[in-house]
PDB file of N, CA and C in Angstrom:
ATOM      1  N   MET A   1     -28.566 -33.069 -10.202  1.00  0.00           N
ATOM      2  CA  MET A   1     -28.093 -32.428  -9.002  1.00  0.00           C
ATOM      3  C   MET A   1     -26.570 -32.493  -8.876  1.00  0.00           C
ATOM      4  N   LYS A   2     -25.911 -33.423  -9.508  1.00  0.00           N
ATOM      5  CA  LYS A   2     -24.462 -33.529  -9.410  1.00  0.00           C
ATOM      6  C   LYS A   2     -23.771 -32.410 -10.177  1.00  0.00           C
ATOM      7  N   LYS A   3     -24.462 -31.768 -11.090  1.00  0.00           N
ATOM      8  CA  LYS A   3     -23.858 -30.699 -11.871  1.00  0.00           C
ATOM      9  C   LYS A   3     -23.639 -29.441 -11.035  1.00  0.00           C
ATOM     10  N   PHE A   4     -24.514 -29.162 -10.066  1.00  0.00           N
ATOM     11  CA  PHE A   4     -24.394 -27.948  -9.262  1.00  0.00           C
ATOM     12  C   PHE A   4     -23.103 -27.906  -8.456  1.00  0.00           C
ATOM     13  N   PRO A   5     -22.753 -28.942  -7.674  1.00  0.00           N
ATOM     14  CA  PRO A   5     -21.478 -28.888  -6.932  1.00  0.00           C
ATOM     15  C   PRO A   5     -20.268 -28.793  -7.861  1.00  0.00           C
ATOM     16  N   LEU A   6     -20.314 -29.479  -8.984  1.00  0.00           N
ATOM     17  CA  LEU A   6     -19.213 -29.421  -9.942  1.00  0.00           C
ATOM     18  C   LEU A   6     -19.072 -28.017 -10.516  1.00  0.00           C
ATOM     19  N   LEU A   7     -20.195 -27.385 -10.841  1.00  0.00           N
ATOM     20  CA  LEU A   7     -20.187 -26.029 -11.366  1.00  0.00           C
ATOM     21  C   LEU A   7     -19.666 -25.043 -10.313  1.00  0.00           C
ATOM     22  N   LEU A   8     -20.085 -25.234  -9.089  1.00  0.00           N
ATOM     23  CA  LEU A   8     -19.632 -24.374  -7.989  1.00  0.00           C
ATOM     24  C   LEU A   8     -18.118 -24.497  -7.782  1.00  0.00           C
ATOM     25  N   ILE A   9     -17.604 -25.689  -7.819  1.00  0.00           N
ATOM     26  CA  ILE A   9     -16.159 -25.918  -7.667  1.00  0.00           C
ATOM     27  C   ILE A   9     -15.397 -25.286  -8.830  1.00  0.00           C
ATOM     28  N   LEU A  10     -15.899 -25.437 -10.039  1.00  0.00           N
ATOM     29  CA  LEU A  10     -15.248 -24.881 -11.218  1.00  0.00           C
ATOM     30  C   LEU A  10     -15.199 -23.353 -11.152  1.00  0.00           C
ATOM     31  N   VAL A  11     -16.305 -22.739 -10.777  1.00  0.00           N
ATOM     32  CA  VAL A  11     -16.344 -21.283 -10.661  1.00  0.00           C
ATOM     33  C   VAL A  11     -15.381 -20.809  -9.567  1.00  0.00           C
ATOM     34  N   SER A  12     -15.327 -21.505  -8.452  1.00  0.00           N
ATOM     35  CA  SER A  12     -14.421 -21.149  -7.358  1.00  0.00           C
ATOM     36  C   SER A  12     -12.963 -21.219  -7.807  1.00  0.00           C
ATOM     37  N   ILE A  13     -12.610 -22.243  -8.535  1.00  0.00           N
ATOM     38  CA  ILE A  13     -11.235 -22.398  -9.023  1.00  0.00           C
ATOM     39  C   ILE A  13     -10.874 -21.263  -9.979  1.00  0.00           C
ATOM     40  N   ILE A  14     -11.790 -20.896 -10.840  1.00  0.00           N
ATOM     41  CA  ILE A  14     -11.535 -19.805 -11.788  1.00  0.00           C
ATOM     42  C   ILE A  14     -11.334 -18.487 -11.054  1.00  0.00           C
ATOM     43  N   LEU A  15     -12.192 -18.212 -10.075  1.00  0.00           N
ATOM     44  CA  LEU A  15     -12.069 -16.964  -9.317  1.00  0.00           C
ATOM     45  C   LEU A  15     -10.775 -16.913  -8.509  1.00  0.00           C
ATOM     46  N   LEU A  16     -10.436 -17.998  -7.842  1.00  0.00           N
ATOM     47  CA  LEU A  16      -9.201 -18.039  -7.064  1.00  0.00           C
ATOM     48  C   LEU A  16      -7.975 -17.942  -7.960  1.00  0.00           C
ATOM     49  N   GLY A  17      -8.030 -18.590  -9.095  1.00  0.00           N
ATOM     50  CA  GLY A  17      -6.919 -18.536 -10.036  1.00  0.00           C
ATOM     51  C   GLY A  17      -6.681 -17.129 -10.542  1.00  0.00           C
ATOM     52  N   GLY A  18      -7.754 -16.385 -10.791  1.00  0.00           N
ATOM     53  CA  GLY A  18      -7.641 -15.002 -11.229  1.00  0.00           C
ATOM     54  C   GLY A  18      -7.003 -14.124 -10.178  1.00  0.00           C
ATOM     55  N   CYS A  19      -7.320 -14.366  -8.925  1.00  0.00           N
ATOM     56  CA  CYS A  19      -6.719 -13.590  -7.839  1.00  0.00           C
ATOM     57  C   CYS A  19      -5.230 -13.895  -7.711  1.00  0.00           C
ATOM     58  N   LEU A  20      -4.858 -15.121  -7.856  1.00  0.00           N
ATOM     59  CA  LEU A  20      -3.463 -15.518  -7.702  1.00  0.00           C
ATOM     60  C   LEU A  20      -2.589 -15.021  -8.843  1.00  0.00           C
ATOM     61  N   VAL A  21      -3.156 -14.902 -10.034  1.00  0.00           N
ATOM     62  CA  VAL A  21      -2.382 -14.451 -11.184  1.00  0.00           C
ATOM     63  C   VAL A  21      -1.874 -13.031 -10.971  1.00  0.00           C
ATOM     64  N   ASN A  22      -2.690 -12.165 -10.330  1.00  0.00           N
ATOM     65  CA  ASN A  22      -2.310 -10.769 -10.143  1.00  0.00           C
ATOM     66  C   ASN A  22      -1.659 -10.493  -8.792  1.00  0.00           C
ATOM     67  N   SER A  23      -1.229 -11.504  -8.086  1.00  0.00           N
ATOM     68  CA  SER A  23      -0.712 -11.297  -6.739  1.00  0.00           C
ATOM     69  C   SER A  23       0.640 -10.580  -6.724  1.00  0.00           C
ATOM     70  N   GLN A  24       1.438 -10.678  -7.775  1.00  0.00           N
ATOM     71  CA  GLN A  24       2.731  -9.995  -7.832  1.00  0.00           C
ATOM     72  C   GLN A  24       2.703  -9.047  -9.026  1.00  0.00           C
ATOM     73  N   ASP A  25       2.258  -7.808  -8.776  1.00  0.00           N
ATOM     74  CA  ASP A  25       2.123  -6.830  -9.846  1.00  0.00           C
ATOM     75  C   ASP A  25       3.433  -6.125 -10.174  1.00  0.00           C
ATOM     76  N   TYR A  26       4.336  -6.043  -9.211  1.00  0.00           N
ATOM     77  CA  TYR A  26       5.568  -5.281  -9.381  1.00  0.00           C
ATOM     78  C   TYR A  26       6.787  -6.126  -9.037  1.00  0.00           C
ATOM     79  N   ASP A  27       7.926  -5.799  -9.671  1.00  0.00           N
ATOM     80  CA  ASP A  27       9.156  -6.528  -9.366  1.00  0.00           C
ATOM     81  C   ASP A  27       9.743  -6.025  -8.043  1.00  0.00           C
ATOM     82  N   ASP A  28      10.691  -6.758  -7.515  1.00  0.00           N
ATOM     83  CA  ASP A  28      11.273  -6.455  -6.202  1.00  0.00           C
ATOM     84  C   ASP A  28      11.929  -5.082  -6.151  1.00  0.00           C
ATOM     85  N   GLU A  29      12.583  -4.670  -7.221  1.00  0.00           N
ATOM     86  CA  GLU A  29      13.251  -3.369  -7.261  1.00  0.00           C
ATOM     87  C   GLU A  29      12.229  -2.225  -7.176  1.00  0.00           C
ATOM     88  N   THR A  30      11.121  -2.353  -7.890  1.00  0.00           N
ATOM     89  CA  THR A  30      10.064  -1.343  -7.863  1.00  0.00           C
ATOM     90  C   THR A  30       9.441  -1.258  -6.479  1.00  0.00           C
ATOM     91  N   ILE A  31       9.184  -2.408  -5.860  1.00  0.00           N
ATOM     92  CA  ILE A  31       8.607  -2.453  -4.513  1.00  0.00           C
ATOM     93  C   ILE A  31       9.550  -1.797  -3.514  1.00  0.00           C
ATOM     94  N   GLU A  32      10.853  -2.108  -3.612  1.00  0.00           N
ATOM     95  CA  GLU A  32      11.826  -1.530  -2.688  1.00  0.00           C
ATOM     96  C   GLU A  32      11.904  -0.011  -2.842  1.00  0.00           C
ATOM     97  N   GLN A  33      11.866   0.472  -4.081  1.00  0.00           N
ATOM     98  CA  GLN A  33      11.923   1.910  -4.312  1.00  0.00           C
ATOM     99  C   GLN A  33      10.674   2.593  -3.753  1.00  0.00           C
ATOM    100  N   ALA A  34       9.505   2.010  -3.968  1.00  0.00           N
ATOM    101  CA  ALA A  34       8.259   2.577  -3.436  1.00  0.00           C
ATOM    102  C   ALA A  34       8.298   2.603  -1.906  1.00  0.00           C
ATOM    103  N   ASN A  35       8.724   1.511  -1.293  1.00  0.00           N
ATOM    104  CA  ASN A  35       8.807   1.441   0.169  1.00  0.00           C
ATOM    105  C   ASN A  35       9.777   2.485   0.726  1.00  0.00           C
ATOM    106  N   ASN A  36      10.924   2.672   0.069  1.00  0.00           N
ATOM    107  CA  ASN A  36      11.914   3.653   0.521  1.00  0.00           C
ATOM    108  C   ASN A  36      11.357   5.073   0.465  1.00  0.00           C
ATOM    109  N   ILE A  37      10.604   5.386  -0.575  1.00  0.00           N
ATOM    110  CA  ILE A  37      10.025   6.719  -0.707  1.00  0.00           C
ATOM    111  C   ILE A  37       8.980   6.950   0.376  1.00  0.00           C
ATOM    112  N   VAL A  38       8.127   5.962   0.622  1.00  0.00           N
ATOM    113  CA  VAL A  38       7.102   6.095   1.667  1.00  0.00           C
ATOM    114  C   VAL A  38       7.761   6.245   3.032  1.00  0.00           C
ATOM    115  N   GLU A  39       8.773   5.440   3.310  1.00  0.00           N
ATOM    116  CA  GLU A  39       9.475   5.525   4.595  1.00  0.00           C
ATOM    117  C   GLU A  39      10.096   6.909   4.788  1.00  0.00           C
ATOM    118  N   SER A  40      10.768   7.419   3.780  1.00  0.00           N
ATOM    119  CA  SER A  40      11.388   8.735   3.863  1.00  0.00           C
ATOM    120  C   SER A  40      10.323   9.813   4.070  1.00  0.00           C
ATOM    121  N   TYR A  41       9.218   9.709   3.373  1.00  0.00           N
ATOM    122  CA  TYR A  41       8.135  10.684   3.509  1.00  0.00           C
ATOM    123  C   TYR A  41       7.605  10.720   4.934  1.00  0.00           C
ATOM    124  N   PHE A  42       7.300   9.555   5.495  1.00  0.00           N
ATOM    125  CA  PHE A  42       6.753   9.497   6.847  1.00  0.00           C
ATOM    126  C   PHE A  42       7.743  10.008   7.890  1.00  0.00           C
ATOM    127  N   LYS A  43       8.994   9.614   7.779  1.00  0.00           N
ATOM    128  CA  LYS A  43       9.995  10.028   8.771  1.00  0.00           C
ATOM    129  C   LYS A  43      10.262  11.532   8.713  1.00  0.00           C
ATOM    130  N   ASN A  44      10.112  12.141   7.556  1.00  0.00           N
ATOM    131  CA  ASN A  44      10.381  13.569   7.413  1.00  0.00           C
ATOM    132  C   ASN A  44       9.154  14.454   7.648  1.00  0.00           C
ATOM    133  N   ASN A  45       7.954  13.899   7.582  1.00  0.00           N
ATOM    134  CA  ASN A  45       6.739  14.704   7.693  1.00  0.00           C
ATOM    135  C   ASN A  45       5.899  14.428   8.932  1.00  0.00           C
ATOM    136  N   TYR A  46       6.171  13.360   9.665  1.00  0.00           N
ATOM    137  CA  TYR A  46       5.351  12.986  10.826  1.00  0.00           C
ATOM    138  C   TYR A  46       6.213  12.843  12.079  1.00  0.00           C
ATOM    139  N   LYS A  47       5.614  13.145  13.228  1.00  0.00           N
ATOM    140  CA  LYS A  47       6.283  13.033  14.522  1.00  0.00           C
ATOM    141  C   LYS A  47       6.331  11.576  14.976  1.00  0.00           C
ATOM    142  N   ASN A  48       7.355  11.234  15.721  1.00  0.00           N
ATOM    143  CA  ASN A  48       7.452   9.952  16.441  1.00  0.00           C
ATOM    144  C   ASN A  48       7.267   8.712  15.574  1.00  0.00           C
ATOM    145  N   VAL A  49       7.796   8.725  14.376  1.00  0.00           N
ATOM    146  CA  VAL A  49       7.769   7.530  13.523  1.00  0.00           C
ATOM    147  C   VAL A  49       9.001   6.710  13.878  1.00  0.00           C
ATOM    148  N   GLU A  50       8.781   5.619  14.597  1.00  0.00           N
ATOM    149  CA  GLU A  50       9.894   4.786  15.051  1.00  0.00           C
ATOM    150  C   GLU A  50      10.104   3.575  14.149  1.00  0.00           C
ATOM    151  N   THR A  51       9.030   2.893  13.801  1.00  0.00           N
ATOM    152  CA  THR A  51       9.144   1.719  12.930  1.00  0.00           C
ATOM    153  C   THR A  51       8.088   1.789  11.835  1.00  0.00           C
ATOM    154  N   ILE A  52       8.448   1.245  10.684  1.00  0.00           N
ATOM    155  CA  ILE A  52       7.511   1.133   9.564  1.00  0.00           C
ATOM    156  C   ILE A  52       7.586  -0.297   9.061  1.00  0.00           C
ATOM    157  N   GLU A  53       6.439  -0.967   9.037  1.00  0.00           N
ATOM    158  CA  GLU A  53       6.357  -2.325   8.513  1.00  0.00           C
ATOM    159  C   GLU A  53       5.485  -2.302   7.263  1.00  0.00           C
ATOM    160  N   PHE A  54       6.050  -2.758   6.154  1.00  0.00           N
ATOM    161  CA  PHE A  54       5.311  -2.772   4.896  1.00  0.00           C
ATOM    162  C   PHE A  54       4.586  -4.105   4.744  1.00  0.00           C
ATOM    163  N   ILE A  55       3.310  -4.025   4.446  1.00  0.00           N
ATOM    164  CA  ILE A  55       2.485  -5.222   4.292  1.00  0.00           C
ATOM    165  C   ILE A  55       2.430  -5.654   2.833  1.00  0.00           C
ATOM    166  N   GLY A  56       2.394  -4.688   1.925  1.00  0.00           N
ATOM    167  CA  GLY A  56       2.346  -5.059   0.529  1.00  0.00           C
ATOM    168  C   GLY A  56       2.265  -3.863  -0.400  1.00  0.00           C
ATOM    169  N   VAL A  57       2.577  -4.120  -1.660  1.00  0.00           N
ATOM    170  CA  VAL A  57       2.457  -3.147  -2.737  1.00  0.00           C
ATOM    171  C   VAL A  57       1.651  -3.816  -3.832  1.00  0.00           C
ATOM    172  N   GLU A  58       0.602  -3.140  -4.266  1.00  0.00           N
ATOM    173  CA  GLU A  58      -0.269  -3.729  -5.292  1.00  0.00           C
ATOM    174  C   GLU A  58      -0.793  -2.634  -6.204  1.00  0.00           C
ATOM    175  N   LYS A  59      -1.379  -3.033  -7.308  1.00  0.00           N
ATOM    176  CA  LYS A  59      -2.012  -2.080  -8.213  1.00  0.00           C
ATOM    177  C   LYS A  59      -3.256  -1.539  -7.545  1.00  0.00           C
ATOM    178  N   GLY A  60      -3.420  -0.226  -7.581  1.00  0.00           N
ATOM    179  CA  GLY A  60      -4.600   0.408  -7.019  1.00  0.00           C
ATOM    180  C   GLY A  60      -5.809   0.198  -7.914  1.00  0.00           C
ATOM    181  N   GLN A  61      -6.989   0.394  -7.364  1.00  0.00           N
ATOM    182  CA  GLN A  61      -8.225   0.205  -8.123  1.00  0.00           C
ATOM    183  C   GLN A  61      -8.348   1.184  -9.282  1.00  0.00           C
ATOM    184  N   LEU A  62      -7.788   2.370  -9.132  1.00  0.00           N
ATOM    185  CA  LEU A  62      -7.860   3.382 -10.184  1.00  0.00           C
ATOM    186  C   LEU A  62      -6.561   3.475 -10.965  1.00  0.00           C
ATOM    187  N   GLY A  63      -5.778   2.436 -10.908  1.00  0.00           N
ATOM    188  CA  GLY A  63      -4.467   2.449 -11.538  1.00  0.00           C
ATOM    189  C   GLY A  63      -3.442   2.933 -10.540  1.00  0.00           C
ATOM    190  N   GLY A  64      -2.220   2.993 -10.923  1.00  0.00           N
ATOM    191  CA  GLY A  64      -1.184   3.418  -9.994  1.00  0.00           C
ATOM    192  C   GLY A  64      -0.830   2.315  -9.015  1.00  0.00           C
ATOM    193  N   MET A  65      -0.107   2.692  -7.998  1.00  0.00           N
ATOM    194  CA  MET A  65       0.448   1.750  -7.042  1.00  0.00           C
ATOM    195  C   MET A  65      -0.106   2.070  -5.653  1.00  0.00           C
ATOM    196  N   MET A  66      -0.407   1.032  -4.878  1.00  0.00           N
ATOM    197  CA  MET A  66      -0.893   1.203  -3.511  1.00  0.00           C
ATOM    198  C   MET A  66       0.081   0.502  -2.575  1.00  0.00           C
ATOM    199  N   VAL A  67       0.683   1.267  -1.651  1.00  0.00           N
ATOM    200  CA  VAL A  67       1.613   0.745  -0.662  1.00  0.00           C
ATOM    201  C   VAL A  67       0.879   0.713   0.673  1.00  0.00           C
ATOM    202  N   LYS A  68       0.867  -0.450   1.331  1.00  0.00           N
ATOM    203  CA  LYS A  68       0.153  -0.597   2.597  1.00  0.00           C
ATOM    204  C   LYS A  68       1.108  -1.050   3.693  1.00  0.00           C
ATOM    205  N   GLY A  69       0.813  -0.628   4.931  1.00  0.00           N
ATOM    206  CA  GLY A  69       1.658  -1.031   6.040  1.00  0.00           C
ATOM    207  C   GLY A  69       1.192  -0.462   7.359  1.00  0.00           C
ATOM    208  N   GLU A  70       2.129  -0.503   8.331  1.00  0.00           N
ATOM    209  CA  GLU A  70       1.864  -0.015   9.684  1.00  0.00           C
ATOM    210  C   GLU A  70       3.047   0.815  10.181  1.00  0.00           C
ATOM    211  N   VAL A  71       2.726   1.837  10.947  1.00  0.00           N
ATOM    212  CA  VAL A  71       3.735   2.660  11.603  1.00  0.00           C
ATOM    213  C   VAL A  71       3.652   2.379  13.091  1.00  0.00           C
ATOM    214  N   ASN A  72       4.800   2.160  13.708  1.00  0.00           N
ATOM    215  CA  ASN A  72       4.897   1.906  15.144  1.00  0.00           C
ATOM    216  C   ASN A  72       4.039   0.721  15.603  1.00  0.00           C
ATOM    217  N   GLY A  73       3.839  -0.237  14.725  1.00  0.00           N
ATOM    218  CA  GLY A  73       3.160  -1.481  15.076  1.00  0.00           C
ATOM    219  C   GLY A  73       1.664  -1.415  15.212  1.00  0.00           C
ATOM    220  N   GLU A  74       1.047  -0.253  15.032  1.00  0.00           N
ATOM    221  CA  GLU A  74      -0.402  -0.181  15.208  1.00  0.00           C
ATOM    222  C   GLU A  74      -1.113   0.777  14.270  1.00  0.00           C
ATOM    223  N   ALA A  75      -0.444   1.796  13.797  1.00  0.00           N
ATOM    224  CA  ALA A  75      -1.068   2.803  12.946  1.00  0.00           C
ATOM    225  C   ALA A  75      -1.006   2.347  11.492  1.00  0.00           C
ATOM    226  N   GLU A  76      -2.148   2.041  10.915  1.00  0.00           N
ATOM    227  CA  GLU A  76      -2.202   1.528   9.547  1.00  0.00           C
ATOM    228  C   GLU A  76      -2.199   2.672   8.536  1.00  0.00           C
ATOM    229  N   PHE A  77      -1.632   2.385   7.362  1.00  0.00           N
ATOM    230  CA  PHE A  77      -1.636   3.379   6.292  1.00  0.00           C
ATOM    231  C   PHE A  77      -1.766   2.701   4.934  1.00  0.00           C
ATOM    232  N   SER A  78      -2.220   3.483   3.976  1.00  0.00           N
ATOM    233  CA  SER A  78      -2.170   3.097   2.567  1.00  0.00           C
ATOM    234  C   SER A  78      -1.791   4.356   1.787  1.00  0.00           C
ATOM    235  N   VAL A  79      -0.825   4.215   0.913  1.00  0.00           N
ATOM    236  CA  VAL A  79      -0.312   5.341   0.143  1.00  0.00           C
ATOM    237  C   VAL A  79      -0.501   5.030  -1.333  1.00  0.00           C
ATOM    238  N   SER A  80      -1.160   5.935  -2.012  1.00  0.00           N
ATOM    239  CA  SER A  80      -1.344   5.825  -3.455  1.00  0.00           C
ATOM    240  C   SER A  80      -0.243   6.627  -4.130  1.00  0.00           C
ATOM    241  N   MET A  81       0.442   5.990  -5.073  1.00  0.00           N
ATOM    242  CA  MET A  81       1.511   6.699  -5.775  1.00  0.00           C
ATOM    243  C   MET A  81       1.540   6.326  -7.252  1.00  0.00           C
ATOM    244  N   ASP A  82       2.084   7.227  -8.041  1.00  0.00           N
ATOM    245  CA  ASP A  82       2.241   6.988  -9.470  1.00  0.00           C
ATOM    246  C   ASP A  82       3.308   5.924  -9.673  1.00  0.00           C
ATOM    247  N   GLU A  83       3.011   4.929 -10.468  1.00  0.00           N
ATOM    248  CA  GLU A  83       3.955   3.815 -10.625  1.00  0.00           C
ATOM    249  C   GLU A  83       5.140   4.144 -11.521  1.00  0.00           C
ATOM    250  N   ASP A  84       5.082   5.245 -12.254  1.00  0.00           N
ATOM    251  CA  ASP A  84       6.209   5.623 -13.105  1.00  0.00           C
ATOM    252  C   ASP A  84       7.134   6.636 -12.421  1.00  0.00           C
ATOM    253  N   SER A  85       6.542   7.658 -11.803  1.00  0.00           N
ATOM    254  CA  SER A  85       7.347   8.725 -11.190  1.00  0.00           C
ATOM    255  C   SER A  85       7.519   8.547  -9.682  1.00  0.00           C
ATOM    256  N   PHE A  86       6.747   7.652  -9.075  1.00  0.00           N
ATOM    257  CA  PHE A  86       6.753   7.408  -7.626  1.00  0.00           C
ATOM    258  C   PHE A  86       6.299   8.639  -6.830  1.00  0.00           C
ATOM    259  N   ASN A  87       5.553   9.543  -7.471  1.00  0.00           N
ATOM    260  CA  ASN A  87       4.981  10.680  -6.761  1.00  0.00           C
ATOM    261  C   ASN A  87       3.819  10.202  -5.902  1.00  0.00           C
ATOM    262  N   ILE A  88       3.767  10.680  -4.658  1.00  0.00           N
ATOM    263  CA  ILE A  88       2.691  10.294  -3.754  1.00  0.00           C
ATOM    264  C   ILE A  88       1.446  11.104  -4.103  1.00  0.00           C
ATOM    265  N   GLY A  89       0.338  10.385  -4.306  1.00  0.00           N
ATOM    266  CA  GLY A  89      -0.914  11.041  -4.653  1.00  0.00           C
ATOM    267  C   GLY A  89      -1.791  11.291  -3.442  1.00  0.00           C
ATOM    268  N   SER A  90      -1.980  10.256  -2.632  1.00  0.00           N
ATOM    269  CA  SER A  90      -2.815  10.394  -1.438  1.00  0.00           C
ATOM    270  C   SER A  90      -2.360   9.409  -0.371  1.00  0.00           C
ATOM    271  N   ILE A  91      -2.743   9.740   0.873  1.00  0.00           N
ATOM    272  CA  ILE A  91      -2.379   8.905   2.008  1.00  0.00           C
ATOM    273  C   ILE A  91      -3.624   8.673   2.847  1.00  0.00           C
ATOM    274  N   GLY A  92      -3.893   7.418   3.150  1.00  0.00           N
ATOM    275  CA  GLY A  92      -4.980   7.075   4.052  1.00  0.00           C
ATOM    276  C   GLY A  92      -4.396   6.504   5.334  1.00  0.00           C
ATOM    277  N   THR A  93      -4.887   6.986   6.486  1.00  0.00           N
ATOM    278  CA  THR A  93      -4.379   6.524   7.781  1.00  0.00           C
ATOM    279  C   THR A  93      -5.538   6.276   8.729  1.00  0.00           C
ATOM    280  N   ASN A  94      -5.267   5.536   9.805  1.00  0.00           N
ATOM    281  CA  ASN A  94      -6.281   5.350  10.838  1.00  0.00           C
ATOM    282  C   ASN A  94      -6.047   6.359  11.963  1.00  0.00           C
ATOM    283  N   ASP A  95      -6.872   6.292  12.991  1.00  0.00           N
ATOM    284  CA  ASP A  95      -6.816   7.272  14.087  1.00  0.00           C
ATOM    285  C   ASP A  95      -5.519   7.220  14.894  1.00  0.00           C
ATOM    286  N   ASP A  96      -4.836   6.076  14.915  1.00  0.00           N
ATOM    287  CA  ASP A  96      -3.614   5.919  15.708  1.00  0.00           C
ATOM    288  C   ASP A  96      -2.369   6.494  15.034  1.00  0.00           C
ATOM    289  N   PHE A  97      -2.521   7.027  13.840  1.00  0.00           N
ATOM    290  CA  PHE A  97      -1.360   7.487  13.082  1.00  0.00           C
ATOM    291  C   PHE A  97      -0.739   8.712  13.743  1.00  0.00           C
ATOM    292  N   PRO A  98       0.605   8.817  13.725  1.00  0.00           N
ATOM    293  CA  PRO A  98       1.278   9.981  14.324  1.00  0.00           C
ATOM    294  C   PRO A  98       0.828  11.299  13.670  1.00  0.00           C
ATOM    295  N   ASP A  99       0.942  12.379  14.433  1.00  0.00           N
ATOM    296  CA  ASP A  99       0.599  13.711  13.936  1.00  0.00           C
ATOM    297  C   ASP A  99       1.698  14.224  13.023  1.00  0.00           C
ATOM    298  N   ARG A 100       1.313  15.164  12.155  1.00  0.00           N
ATOM    299  CA  ARG A 100       2.304  15.810  11.302  1.00  0.00           C
ATOM    300  C   ARG A 100       3.190  16.716  12.139  1.00  0.00           C
ATOM    301  N   LYS A 101       4.419  16.873  11.696  1.00  0.00           N
ATOM    302  CA  LYS A 101       5.321  17.834  12.316  1.00  0.00           C
ATOM    303  C   LYS A 101       4.780  19.235  12.031  1.00  0.00           C
ATOM    304  N   GLU A 102       4.964  20.167  12.966  1.00  0.00           N
ATOM    305  CA  GLU A 102       4.444  21.535  12.821  1.00  0.00           C
ATOM    306  C   GLU A 102       4.904  22.175  11.514  1.00  0.00           C
ATOM    307  N   GLU A 103       6.193  22.052  11.221  1.00  0.00           N
ATOM    308  CA  GLU A 103       6.744  22.697  10.036  1.00  0.00           C
ATOM    309  C   GLU A 103       6.284  22.053   8.723  1.00  0.00           C
ATOM    310  N   CYS A 104       5.595  20.903   8.817  1.00  0.00           N
ATOM    311  CA  CYS A 104       5.152  20.178   7.630  1.00  0.00           C
ATOM    312  C   CYS A 104       3.634  20.196   7.458  1.00  0.00           C
ATOM    313  N   LYS A 105       2.934  20.975   8.305  1.00  0.00           N
ATOM    314  CA  LYS A 105       1.466  20.998   8.237  1.00  0.00           C
ATOM    315  C   LYS A 105       0.946  21.777   7.033  1.00  0.00           C
ATOM    316  N   GLU A 106       1.508  22.933   6.772  1.00  0.00           N
ATOM    317  CA  GLU A 106       1.018  23.764   5.668  1.00  0.00           C
ATOM    318  C   GLU A 106       1.652  23.385   4.336  1.00  0.00           C
ATOM    319  N   GLN A 107       2.869  22.890   4.384  1.00  0.00           N
ATOM    320  CA  GLN A 107       3.570  22.486   3.178  1.00  0.00           C
ATOM    321  C   GLN A 107       4.395  21.237   3.486  1.00  0.00           C
ATOM    322  N   GLU A 108       4.348  20.259   2.593  1.00  0.00           N
ATOM    323  CA  GLU A 108       5.106  19.025   2.823  1.00  0.00           C
ATOM    324  C   GLU A 108       6.588  19.332   2.952  1.00  0.00           C
ATOM    325  N   CYS A 109       7.226  18.651   3.878  1.00  0.00           N
ATOM    326  CA  CYS A 109       8.680  18.751   4.022  1.00  0.00           C
ATOM    327  C   CYS A 109       9.352  17.863   2.984  1.00  0.00           C
ATOM    328  N   ASP A 110      10.572  18.195   2.651  1.00  0.00           N
ATOM    329  CA  ASP A 110      11.337  17.367   1.694  1.00  0.00           C
ATOM    330  C   ASP A 110      11.495  15.954   2.257  1.00  0.00           C
ATOM    331  N   PHE A 111      11.587  15.023   1.354  1.00  0.00           N
ATOM    332  CA  PHE A 111      11.770  13.628   1.785  1.00  0.00           C
ATOM    333  C   PHE A 111      12.648  12.876   0.848  1.00  0.00           C
TER     334      PHE A 111
END
């Protein structure tokens, strides 16, 4: 019976260690560039974007880069972008997210 708790602890350490190894996927310069592009995109394409708080940048499940954060302290977002070209692929938002600007609804505005 003493083997079960030891095995459980060992498996837990291995799993936690694996998570910690991948916690910093990108260097600071890459993260800053990704954050700047997302900020510029939101400010140029959405109404009433006052503040943007970045929570993190990590590797996406399908590859690429995932930038996560909040707009105006409550509207959550996640942006998928190419890690080489920094092109935005998709944007996920919650219901509190600001509306798009009229001139940016049919075609994205420059950012």
